[in-house]
PDB file of N, CA and C in Angstrom:
ATOM      1  N   UNK A   1    -149.299-153.457-154.361  1.00  0.00           N
ATOM      2  CA  UNK A   1    -148.222-154.298-153.935  1.00  0.00           C
ATOM      3  C   UNK A   1    -148.512-154.783-152.486  1.00  0.00           C
ATOM      4  N   UNK A   2    -148.583-156.065-152.315  1.00  0.00           N
ATOM      5  CA  UNK A   2    -148.849-156.626-151.021  1.00  0.00           C
ATOM      6  C   UNK A   2    -147.558-157.199-150.437  1.00  0.00           C
ATOM      7  N   UNK A   3    -147.190-156.675-149.276  1.00  0.00           N
ATOM      8  CA  UNK A   3    -145.938-157.105-148.689  1.00  0.00           C
ATOM      9  C   UNK A   3    -146.162-158.055-147.505  1.00  0.00           C
ATOM     10  N   UNK A   4    -145.032-158.495-146.949  1.00  0.00           N
ATOM     11  CA  UNK A   4    -145.038-159.383-145.788  1.00  0.00           C
ATOM     12  C   UNK A   4    -145.493-158.590-144.569  1.00  0.00           C
ATOM     13  N   UNK A   5    -146.146-159.300-143.642  1.00  0.00           N
ATOM     14  CA  UNK A   5    -146.502-158.680-142.409  1.00  0.00           C
ATOM     15  C   UNK A   5    -145.430-159.007-141.344  1.00  0.00           C
ATOM     16  N   UNK A   6    -144.924-157.995-140.684  1.00  0.00           N
ATOM     17  CA  UNK A   6    -143.950-158.140-139.652  1.00  0.00           C
ATOM     18  C   UNK A   6    -144.617-158.568-138.379  1.00  0.00           C
ATOM     19  N   UNK A   7    -144.245-159.691-137.792  1.00  0.00           N
ATOM     20  CA  UNK A   7    -144.874-160.199-136.556  1.00  0.00           C
ATOM     21  C   UNK A   7    -143.962-159.964-135.350  1.00  0.00           C
ATOM     22  N   UNK A   8    -144.512-160.244-134.200  1.00  0.00           N
ATOM     23  CA  UNK A   8    -143.789-160.170-132.929  1.00  0.00           C
ATOM     24  C   UNK A   8    -142.556-161.019-132.969  1.00  0.00           C
ATOM     25  N   UNK A   9    -142.698-162.236-133.593  1.00  0.00           N
ATOM     26  CA  UNK A   9    -141.593-163.185-133.707  1.00  0.00           C
ATOM     27  C   UNK A   9    -140.510-162.572-134.582  1.00  0.00           C
ATOM     28  N   UNK A  10    -140.862-161.863-135.667  1.00  0.00           N
ATOM     29  CA  UNK A  10    -139.933-161.192-136.560  1.00  0.00           C
ATOM     30  C   UNK A  10    -139.104-160.148-135.764  1.00  0.00           C
ATOM     31  N   UNK A  11    -139.871-159.390-134.940  1.00  0.00           N
ATOM     32  CA  UNK A  11    -139.167-158.344-134.174  1.00  0.00           C
ATOM     33  C   UNK A  11    -138.177-158.967-133.187  1.00  0.00           C
ATOM     34  N   UNK A  12    -138.618-160.068-132.522  1.00  0.00           N
ATOM     35  CA  UNK A  12    -137.755-160.779-131.604  1.00  0.00           C
ATOM     36  C   UNK A  12    -136.505-161.303-132.295  1.00  0.00           C
ATOM     37  N   UNK A  13    -136.683-161.835-133.486  1.00  0.00           N
ATOM     38  CA  UNK A  13    -135.559-162.363-134.273  1.00  0.00           C
ATOM     39  C   UNK A  13    -134.549-161.241-134.649  1.00  0.00           C
ATOM     40  N   UNK A  14    -135.131-160.102-135.024  1.00  0.00           N
ATOM     41  CA  UNK A  14    -134.300-158.925-135.382  1.00  0.00           C
ATOM     42  C   UNK A  14    -133.450-158.523-134.152  1.00  0.00           C
ATOM     43  N   UNK A  15    -134.099-158.476-133.006  1.00  0.00           N
ATOM     44  CA  UNK A  15    -133.349-158.090-131.751  1.00  0.00           C
ATOM     45  C   UNK A  15    -132.306-159.114-131.483  1.00  0.00           C
ATOM     46  N   UNK A  16    -132.601-160.414-131.654  1.00  0.00           N
ATOM     47  CA  UNK A  16    -131.656-161.463-131.484  1.00  0.00           C
ATOM     48  C   UNK A  16    -130.426-161.300-132.452  1.00  0.00           C
ATOM     49  N   UNK A  17    -130.679-160.981-133.682  1.00  0.00           N
ATOM     50  CA  UNK A  17    -129.629-160.815-134.643  1.00  0.00           C
ATOM     51  C   UNK A  17    -128.771-159.611-134.403  1.00  0.00           C
ATOM     52  N   UNK A  18    -129.399-158.483-134.049  1.00  0.00           N
ATOM     53  CA  UNK A  18    -128.712-157.203-133.941  1.00  0.00           C
ATOM     54  C   UNK A  18    -128.026-157.021-132.553  1.00  0.00           C
ATOM     55  N   UNK A  19    -128.678-157.422-131.480  1.00  0.00           N
ATOM     56  CA  UNK A  19    -128.222-157.150-130.151  1.00  0.00           C
ATOM     57  C   UNK A  19    -127.408-158.285-129.568  1.00  0.00           C
ATOM     58  N   UNK A  20    -127.733-159.511-129.944  1.00  0.00           N
ATOM     59  CA  UNK A  20    -126.950-160.627-129.466  1.00  0.00           C
ATOM     60  C   UNK A  20    -127.489-161.261-128.198  1.00  0.00           C
ATOM     61  N   UNK A  21    -128.693-160.845-127.778  1.00  0.00           N
ATOM     62  CA  UNK A  21    -129.316-161.461-126.625  1.00  0.00           C
ATOM     63  C   UNK A  21    -129.761-162.862-127.069  1.00  0.00           C
ATOM     64  N   UNK A  22    -130.094-163.727-126.088  1.00  0.00           N
ATOM     65  CA  UNK A  22    -130.638-165.060-126.436  1.00  0.00           C
ATOM     66  C   UNK A  22    -132.021-164.834-127.100  1.00  0.00           C
ATOM     67  N   UNK A  23    -132.479-165.860-127.751  1.00  0.00           N
ATOM     68  CA  UNK A  23    -133.811-165.733-128.395  1.00  0.00           C
ATOM     69  C   UNK A  23    -134.883-165.453-127.352  1.00  0.00           C
ATOM     70  N   UNK A  24    -134.823-166.125-126.196  1.00  0.00           N
ATOM     71  CA  UNK A  24    -135.790-165.910-125.103  1.00  0.00           C
ATOM     72  C   UNK A  24    -135.716-164.493-124.592  1.00  0.00           C
ATOM     73  N   UNK A  25    -134.500-163.997-124.356  1.00  0.00           N
ATOM     74  CA  UNK A  25    -134.321-162.623-123.866  1.00  0.00           C
ATOM     75  C   UNK A  25    -134.810-161.632-124.894  1.00  0.00           C
ATOM     76  N   UNK A  26    -134.584-161.907-126.163  1.00  0.00           N
ATOM     77  CA  UNK A  26    -135.002-161.002-127.202  1.00  0.00           C
ATOM     78  C   UNK A  26    -136.565-160.935-127.243  1.00  0.00           C
ATOM     79  N   UNK A  27    -137.197-162.116-127.136  1.00  0.00           N
ATOM     80  CA  UNK A  27    -138.679-162.144-127.124  1.00  0.00           C
ATOM     81  C   UNK A  27    -139.225-161.413-125.888  1.00  0.00           C
ATOM     82  N   UNK A  28    -138.581-161.596-124.721  1.00  0.00           N
ATOM     83  CA  UNK A  28    -138.975-160.941-123.522  1.00  0.00           C
ATOM     84  C   UNK A  28    -138.828-159.389-123.649  1.00  0.00           C
ATOM     85  N   UNK A  29    -137.757-158.951-124.270  1.00  0.00           N
ATOM     86  CA  UNK A  29    -137.541-157.536-124.514  1.00  0.00           C
ATOM     87  C   UNK A  29    -138.607-156.943-125.374  1.00  0.00           C
ATOM     88  N   UNK A  30    -138.918-157.606-126.484  1.00  0.00           N
ATOM     89  CA  UNK A  30    -139.937-157.083-127.381  1.00  0.00           C
ATOM     90  C   UNK A  30    -141.318-157.086-126.679  1.00  0.00           C
ATOM     91  N   UNK A  31    -141.607-158.165-125.952  1.00  0.00           N
ATOM     92  CA  UNK A  31    -142.885-158.155-125.180  1.00  0.00           C
ATOM     93  C   UNK A  31    -142.961-157.064-124.152  1.00  0.00           C
ATOM     94  N   UNK A  32    -141.840-156.790-123.516  1.00  0.00           N
ATOM     95  CA  UNK A  32    -141.798-155.752-122.508  1.00  0.00           C
ATOM     96  C   UNK A  32    -142.031-154.339-123.077  1.00  0.00           C
ATOM     97  N   UNK A  33    -141.455-154.083-124.241  1.00  0.00           N
ATOM     98  CA  UNK A  33    -141.607-152.780-124.888  1.00  0.00           C
ATOM     99  C   UNK A  33    -143.047-152.675-125.333  1.00  0.00           C
ATOM    100  N   UNK A  34    -143.640-153.685-125.958  1.00  0.00           N
ATOM    101  CA  UNK A  34    -145.009-153.620-126.435  1.00  0.00           C
ATOM    102  C   UNK A  34    -145.969-153.470-125.245  1.00  0.00           C
ATOM    103  N   UNK A  35    -145.718-154.149-124.085  1.00  0.00           N
ATOM    104  CA  UNK A  35    -146.543-154.039-122.978  1.00  0.00           C
ATOM    105  C   UNK A  35    -146.489-152.630-122.383  1.00  0.00           C
ATOM    106  N   UNK A  36    -145.301-152.023-122.349  1.00  0.00           N
ATOM    107  CA  UNK A  36    -145.168-150.620-121.857  1.00  0.00           C
ATOM    108  C   UNK A  36    -145.939-149.687-122.670  1.00  0.00           C
ATOM    109  N   UNK A  37    -145.901-149.870-124.039  1.00  0.00           N
ATOM    110  CA  UNK A  37    -146.685-148.989-124.934  1.00  0.00           C
ATOM    111  C   UNK A  37    -148.190-149.197-124.679  1.00  0.00           C
ATOM    112  N   UNK A  38    -148.595-150.418-124.583  1.00  0.00           N
ATOM    113  CA  UNK A  38    -150.034-150.762-124.387  1.00  0.00           C
ATOM    114  C   UNK A  38    -150.546-150.181-123.109  1.00  0.00           C
ATOM    115  N   UNK A  39    -149.746-150.300-122.008  1.00  0.00           N
ATOM    116  CA  UNK A  39    -150.131-149.775-120.693  1.00  0.00           C
ATOM    117  C   UNK A  39    -150.307-148.277-120.736  1.00  0.00           C
ATOM    118  N   UNK A  40    -149.341-147.566-121.328  1.00  0.00           N
ATOM    119  CA  UNK A  40    -149.468-146.126-121.433  1.00  0.00           C
ATOM    120  C   UNK A  40    -150.701-145.720-122.254  1.00  0.00           C
ATOM    121  N   UNK A  41    -150.989-146.359-123.319  1.00  0.00           N
ATOM    122  CA  UNK A  41    -152.142-146.004-124.137  1.00  0.00           C
ATOM    123  C   UNK A  41    -153.475-146.321-123.395  1.00  0.00           C
ATOM    124  N   UNK A  42    -153.503-147.417-122.686  1.00  0.00           N
ATOM    125  CA  UNK A  42    -154.647-147.757-121.876  1.00  0.00           C
ATOM    126  C   UNK A  42    -154.941-146.701-120.842  1.00  0.00           C
ATOM    127  N   UNK A  43    -153.920-146.073-120.294  1.00  0.00           N
ATOM    128  CA  UNK A  43    -154.082-144.988-119.303  1.00  0.00           C
ATOM    129  C   UNK A  43    -154.448-143.666-119.980  1.00  0.00           C
ATOM    130  N   UNK A  44    -154.475-143.618-121.317  1.00  0.00           N
ATOM    131  CA  UNK A  44    -154.810-142.419-122.066  1.00  0.00           C
ATOM    132  C   UNK A  44    -153.647-141.540-122.306  1.00  0.00           C
ATOM    133  N   UNK A  45    -152.423-142.094-122.057  1.00  0.00           N
ATOM    134  CA  UNK A  45    -151.192-141.298-122.325  1.00  0.00           C
ATOM    135  C   UNK A  45    -150.803-141.476-123.799  1.00  0.00           C
ATOM    136  N   UNK A  46    -150.060-140.465-124.260  1.00  0.00           N
ATOM    137  CA  UNK A  46    -149.499-140.570-125.606  1.00  0.00           C
ATOM    138  C   UNK A  46    -148.140-141.259-125.558  1.00  0.00           C
ATOM    139  N   UNK A  47    -147.792-141.909-126.653  1.00  0.00           N
ATOM    140  CA  UNK A  47    -146.459-142.552-126.762  1.00  0.00           C
ATOM    141  C   UNK A  47    -145.743-141.987-127.992  1.00  0.00           C
ATOM    142  N   UNK A  48    -144.587-141.388-127.776  1.00  0.00           N
ATOM    143  CA  UNK A  48    -143.874-140.818-128.868  1.00  0.00           C
ATOM    144  C   UNK A  48    -142.520-141.548-129.004  1.00  0.00           C
ATOM    145  N   UNK A  49    -142.290-142.096-130.156  1.00  0.00           N
ATOM    146  CA  UNK A  49    -141.002-142.796-130.444  1.00  0.00           C
ATOM    147  C   UNK A  49    -140.294-141.991-131.507  1.00  0.00           C
ATOM    148  N   UNK A  50    -139.184-141.367-131.103  1.00  0.00           N
ATOM    149  CA  UNK A  50    -138.424-140.506-131.981  1.00  0.00           C
ATOM    150  C   UNK A  50    -138.074-141.182-133.300  1.00  0.00           C
ATOM    151  N   UNK A  51    -138.186-140.474-134.342  1.00  0.00           N
ATOM    152  CA  UNK A  51    -137.934-140.925-135.758  1.00  0.00           C
ATOM    153  C   UNK A  51    -138.861-142.009-136.182  1.00  0.00           C
ATOM    154  N   UNK A  52    -139.906-142.282-135.415  1.00  0.00           N
ATOM    155  CA  UNK A  52    -140.848-143.340-135.832  1.00  0.00           C
ATOM    156  C   UNK A  52    -142.291-142.704-135.905  1.00  0.00           C
ATOM    157  N   UNK A  53    -142.756-142.264-134.753  1.00  0.00           N
ATOM    158  CA  UNK A  53    -144.050-141.655-134.760  1.00  0.00           C
ATOM    159  C   UNK A  53    -144.706-141.618-133.361  1.00  0.00           C
ATOM    160  N   UNK A  54    -145.916-141.176-133.329  1.00  0.00           N
ATOM    161  CA  UNK A  54    -146.630-141.010-132.031  1.00  0.00           C
ATOM    162  C   UNK A  54    -147.969-141.792-132.092  1.00  0.00           C
ATOM    163  N   UNK A  55    -148.255-142.442-130.957  1.00  0.00           N
ATOM    164  CA  UNK A  55    -149.531-143.083-130.769  1.00  0.00           C
ATOM    165  C   UNK A  55    -150.309-142.241-129.816  1.00  0.00           C
ATOM    166  N   UNK A  56    -151.557-141.936-130.155  1.00  0.00           N
ATOM    167  CA  UNK A  56    -152.360-141.066-129.382  1.00  0.00           C
ATOM    168  C   UNK A  56    -153.710-141.732-129.157  1.00  0.00           C
ATOM    169  N   UNK A  57    -154.327-141.502-127.968  1.00  0.00           N
ATOM    170  CA  UNK A  57    -155.668-141.992-127.742  1.00  0.00           C
ATOM    171  C   UNK A  57    -156.585-140.776-127.850  1.00  0.00           C
ATOM    172  N   UNK A  58    -157.620-140.839-128.694  1.00  0.00           N
ATOM    173  CA  UNK A  58    -158.523-139.712-128.918  1.00  0.00           C
ATOM    174  C   UNK A  58    -159.961-140.160-128.597  1.00  0.00           C
ATOM    175  N   UNK A  59    -160.707-139.245-128.005  1.00  0.00           N
ATOM    176  CA  UNK A  59    -162.125-139.520-127.721  1.00  0.00           C
ATOM    177  C   UNK A  59    -162.973-139.112-128.942  1.00  0.00           C
ATOM    178  N   UNK A  60    -163.859-140.006-129.357  1.00  0.00           N
ATOM    179  CA  UNK A  60    -164.777-139.694-130.381  1.00  0.00           C
ATOM    180  C   UNK A  60    -166.161-139.588-129.724  1.00  0.00           C
ATOM    181  N   UNK A  61    -166.862-138.579-130.019  1.00  0.00           N
ATOM    182  CA  UNK A  61    -168.210-138.353-129.455  1.00  0.00           C
ATOM    183  C   UNK A  61    -169.257-139.236-130.070  1.00  0.00           C
ATOM    184  N   UNK A  62    -170.430-139.216-129.440  1.00  0.00           N
ATOM    185  CA  UNK A  62    -171.557-139.979-130.019  1.00  0.00           C
ATOM    186  C   UNK A  62    -171.990-139.371-131.333  1.00  0.00           C
ATOM    187  N   UNK A  63    -172.373-140.237-132.277  1.00  0.00           N
ATOM    188  CA  UNK A  63    -172.851-139.725-133.528  1.00  0.00           C
ATOM    189  C   UNK A  63    -173.869-140.662-134.096  1.00  0.00           C
ATOM    190  N   UNK A  64    -174.492-140.263-135.138  1.00  0.00           N
ATOM    191  CA  UNK A  64    -175.488-141.131-135.798  1.00  0.00           C
ATOM    192  C   UNK A  64    -174.859-141.718-137.030  1.00  0.00           C
ATOM    193  N   UNK A  65    -174.854-143.047-137.118  1.00  0.00           N
ATOM    194  CA  UNK A  65    -174.356-143.748-138.295  1.00  0.00           C
ATOM    195  C   UNK A  65    -175.540-144.329-139.069  1.00  0.00           C
ATOM    196  N   UNK A  66    -175.220-144.973-140.163  1.00  0.00           N
ATOM    197  CA  UNK A  66    -176.314-145.502-141.014  1.00  0.00           C
ATOM    198  C   UNK A  66    -175.890-146.907-141.452  1.00  0.00           C
ATOM    199  N   UNK A  67    -176.808-147.828-141.312  1.00  0.00           N
ATOM    200  CA  UNK A  67    -176.618-149.209-141.765  1.00  0.00           C
ATOM    201  C   UNK A  67    -176.624-149.135-143.320  1.00  0.00           C
ATOM    202  N   UNK A  68    -175.513-149.531-143.965  1.00  0.00           N
ATOM    203  CA  UNK A  68    -175.470-149.362-145.418  1.00  0.00           C
ATOM    204  C   UNK A  68    -176.464-150.246-146.140  1.00  0.00           C
ATOM    205  N   UNK A  69    -176.839-151.418-145.543  1.00  0.00           N
ATOM    206  CA  UNK A  69    -177.813-152.309-146.199  1.00  0.00           C
ATOM    207  C   UNK A  69    -179.218-151.779-146.135  1.00  0.00           C
ATOM    208  N   UNK A  70    -179.608-151.327-144.933  1.00  0.00           N
ATOM    209  CA  UNK A  70    -180.991-150.942-144.731  1.00  0.00           C
ATOM    210  C   UNK A  70    -181.270-149.477-144.811  1.00  0.00           C
ATOM    211  N   UNK A  71    -180.201-148.670-144.626  1.00  0.00           N
ATOM    212  CA  UNK A  71    -180.370-147.231-144.582  1.00  0.00           C
ATOM    213  C   UNK A  71    -180.805-146.741-143.212  1.00  0.00           C
ATOM    214  N   UNK A  72    -181.019-147.668-142.278  1.00  0.00           N
ATOM    215  CA  UNK A  72    -181.513-147.345-140.960  1.00  0.00           C
ATOM    216  C   UNK A  72    -180.438-146.578-140.143  1.00  0.00           C
ATOM    217  N   UNK A  73    -180.870-145.494-139.463  1.00  0.00           N
ATOM    218  CA  UNK A  73    -179.939-144.705-138.658  1.00  0.00           C
ATOM    219  C   UNK A  73    -179.716-145.458-137.326  1.00  0.00           C
ATOM    220  N   UNK A  74    -178.435-145.504-136.947  1.00  0.00           N
ATOM    221  CA  UNK A  74    -178.062-146.231-135.719  1.00  0.00           C
ATOM    222  C   UNK A  74    -177.190-145.297-134.953  1.00  0.00           C
ATOM    223  N   UNK A  75    -177.391-145.192-133.620  1.00  0.00           N
ATOM    224  CA  UNK A  75    -176.487-144.367-132.802  1.00  0.00           C
ATOM    225  C   UNK A  75    -175.179-145.091-132.567  1.00  0.00           C
ATOM    226  N   UNK A  76    -174.049-144.342-132.714  1.00  0.00           N
ATOM    227  CA  UNK A  76    -172.771-144.896-132.448  1.00  0.00           C
ATOM    228  C   UNK A  76    -172.277-144.265-131.123  1.00  0.00           C
ATOM    229  N   UNK A  77    -171.975-145.084-130.156  1.00  0.00           N
ATOM    230  CA  UNK A  77    -171.638-144.615-128.837  1.00  0.00           C
ATOM    231  C   UNK A  77    -170.268-143.943-128.790  1.00  0.00           C
ATOM    232  N   UNK A  78    -170.087-142.987-127.810  1.00  0.00           N
ATOM    233  CA  UNK A  78    -168.779-142.419-127.700  1.00  0.00           C
ATOM    234  C   UNK A  78    -167.725-143.464-127.415  1.00  0.00           C
ATOM    235  N   UNK A  79    -166.521-143.296-127.855  1.00  0.00           N
ATOM    236  CA  UNK A  79    -165.478-144.296-127.634  1.00  0.00           C
ATOM    237  C   UNK A  79    -164.084-143.660-127.757  1.00  0.00           C
ATOM    238  N   UNK A  80    -163.142-144.446-127.306  1.00  0.00           N
ATOM    239  CA  UNK A  80    -161.719-143.988-127.457  1.00  0.00           C
ATOM    240  C   UNK A  80    -161.149-144.739-128.643  1.00  0.00           C
ATOM    241  N   UNK A  81    -160.435-143.991-129.456  1.00  0.00           N
ATOM    242  CA  UNK A  81    -159.769-144.593-130.631  1.00  0.00           C
ATOM    243  C   UNK A  81    -158.288-144.348-130.602  1.00  0.00           C
ATOM    244  N   UNK A  82    -157.557-145.299-131.160  1.00  0.00           N
ATOM    245  CA  UNK A  82    -156.117-145.200-131.216  1.00  0.00           C
ATOM    246  C   UNK A  82    -155.697-144.576-132.531  1.00  0.00           C
ATOM    247  N   UNK A  83    -154.851-143.568-132.493  1.00  0.00           N
ATOM    248  CA  UNK A  83    -154.389-142.885-133.658  1.00  0.00           C
ATOM    249  C   UNK A  83    -152.887-142.953-133.747  1.00  0.00           C
ATOM    250  N   UNK A  84    -152.340-143.241-134.904  1.00  0.00           N
ATOM    251  CA  UNK A  84    -150.859-143.253-135.134  1.00  0.00           C
ATOM    252  C   UNK A  84    -150.556-142.138-136.102  1.00  0.00           C
ATOM    253  N   UNK A  85    -149.568-141.344-135.713  1.00  0.00           N
ATOM    254  CA  UNK A  85    -149.055-140.291-136.613  1.00  0.00           C
ATOM    255  C   UNK A  85    -147.644-140.570-136.894  1.00  0.00           C
ATOM    256  N   UNK A  86    -147.292-140.850-138.115  1.00  0.00           N
ATOM    257  CA  UNK A  86    -145.901-141.179-138.497  1.00  0.00           C
ATOM    258  C   UNK A  86    -145.062-139.913-138.437  1.00  0.00           C
ATOM    259  N   UNK A  87    -143.781-140.081-138.034  1.00  0.00           N
ATOM    260  CA  UNK A  87    -142.887-138.917-138.053  1.00  0.00           C
ATOM    261  C   UNK A  87    -142.497-138.625-139.484  1.00  0.00           C
ATOM    262  N   UNK A  88    -141.938-137.425-139.703  1.00  0.00           N
ATOM    263  CA  UNK A  88    -141.454-137.082-141.022  1.00  0.00           C
ATOM    264  C   UNK A  88    -140.314-137.997-141.420  1.00  0.00           C
ATOM    265  N   UNK A  89    -139.503-138.424-140.514  1.00  0.00           N
ATOM    266  CA  UNK A  89    -138.407-139.310-140.829  1.00  0.00           C
ATOM    267  C   UNK A  89    -138.922-140.616-141.397  1.00  0.00           C
ATOM    268  N   UNK A  90    -139.963-141.192-140.719  1.00  0.00           N
ATOM    269  CA  UNK A  90    -140.543-142.446-141.144  1.00  0.00           C
ATOM    270  C   UNK A  90    -141.255-142.255-142.537  1.00  0.00           C
ATOM    271  N   UNK A  91    -141.960-141.139-142.648  1.00  0.00           N
ATOM    272  CA  UNK A  91    -142.665-140.870-143.946  1.00  0.00           C
ATOM    273  C   UNK A  91    -141.628-140.806-145.094  1.00  0.00           C
ATOM    274  N   UNK A  92    -140.541-140.129-144.798  1.00  0.00           N
ATOM    275  CA  UNK A  92    -139.487-139.965-145.855  1.00  0.00           C
ATOM    276  C   UNK A  92    -138.900-141.334-146.220  1.00  0.00           C
ATOM    277  N   UNK A  93    -138.660-142.177-145.238  1.00  0.00           N
ATOM    278  CA  UNK A  93    -138.117-143.527-145.475  1.00  0.00           C
ATOM    279  C   UNK A  93    -139.095-144.379-146.295  1.00  0.00           C
ATOM    280  N   UNK A  94    -140.369-144.288-145.941  1.00  0.00           N
ATOM    281  CA  UNK A  94    -141.419-145.074-146.643  1.00  0.00           C
ATOM    282  C   UNK A  94    -141.495-144.611-148.072  1.00  0.00           C
ATOM    283  N   UNK A  95    -141.465-143.308-148.330  1.00  0.00           N
ATOM    284  CA  UNK A  95    -141.583-142.768-149.682  1.00  0.00           C
ATOM    285  C   UNK A  95    -140.365-143.059-150.500  1.00  0.00           C
ATOM    286  N   UNK A  96    -139.195-143.185-149.836  1.00  0.00           N
ATOM    287  CA  UNK A  96    -137.990-143.474-150.552  1.00  0.00           C
ATOM    288  C   UNK A  96    -137.957-144.916-151.039  1.00  0.00           C
ATOM    289  N   UNK A  97    -138.649-145.790-150.338  1.00  0.00           N
ATOM    290  CA  UNK A  97    -138.714-147.174-150.758  1.00  0.00           C
ATOM    291  C   UNK A  97    -137.693-148.029-149.983  1.00  0.00           C
ATOM    292  N   UNK A  98    -137.682-149.304-150.254  1.00  0.00           N
ATOM    293  CA  UNK A  98    -136.768-150.208-149.496  1.00  0.00           C
ATOM    294  C   UNK A  98    -135.335-149.892-149.787  1.00  0.00           C
ATOM    295  N   UNK A  99    -134.546-149.907-148.711  1.00  0.00           N
ATOM    296  CA  UNK A  99    -133.107-149.633-148.885  1.00  0.00           C
ATOM    297  C   UNK A  99    -132.382-150.931-149.408  1.00  0.00           C
ATOM    298  N   UNK A 100    -131.374-150.711-150.188  1.00  0.00           N
ATOM    299  CA  UNK A 100    -130.700-151.858-150.786  1.00  0.00           C
ATOM    300  C   UNK A 100    -129.471-152.178-149.983  1.00  0.00           C
TER     301      UNK A 100
END
């Protein structure tokens, strides 16, 4: 089942509908929240949003990968990766399905 993708504009519209700020203020609020999350993650900090989940930055070490076409071994450099862990509340809501 392929669903709709929620965009930044959709989030802004939801804030506009629920909170009653102007559309511009709603967009600025969404941008501000996303910027705060991005800044924290860039610094290597974790971000925990209660009843939603946690965003973590994890270091992955160097390893040897393989080109699937040629079979050639290729070194993969160490890097930071972003990990999201959903809270149990979010997992339960997703498994329950869309609310009516």
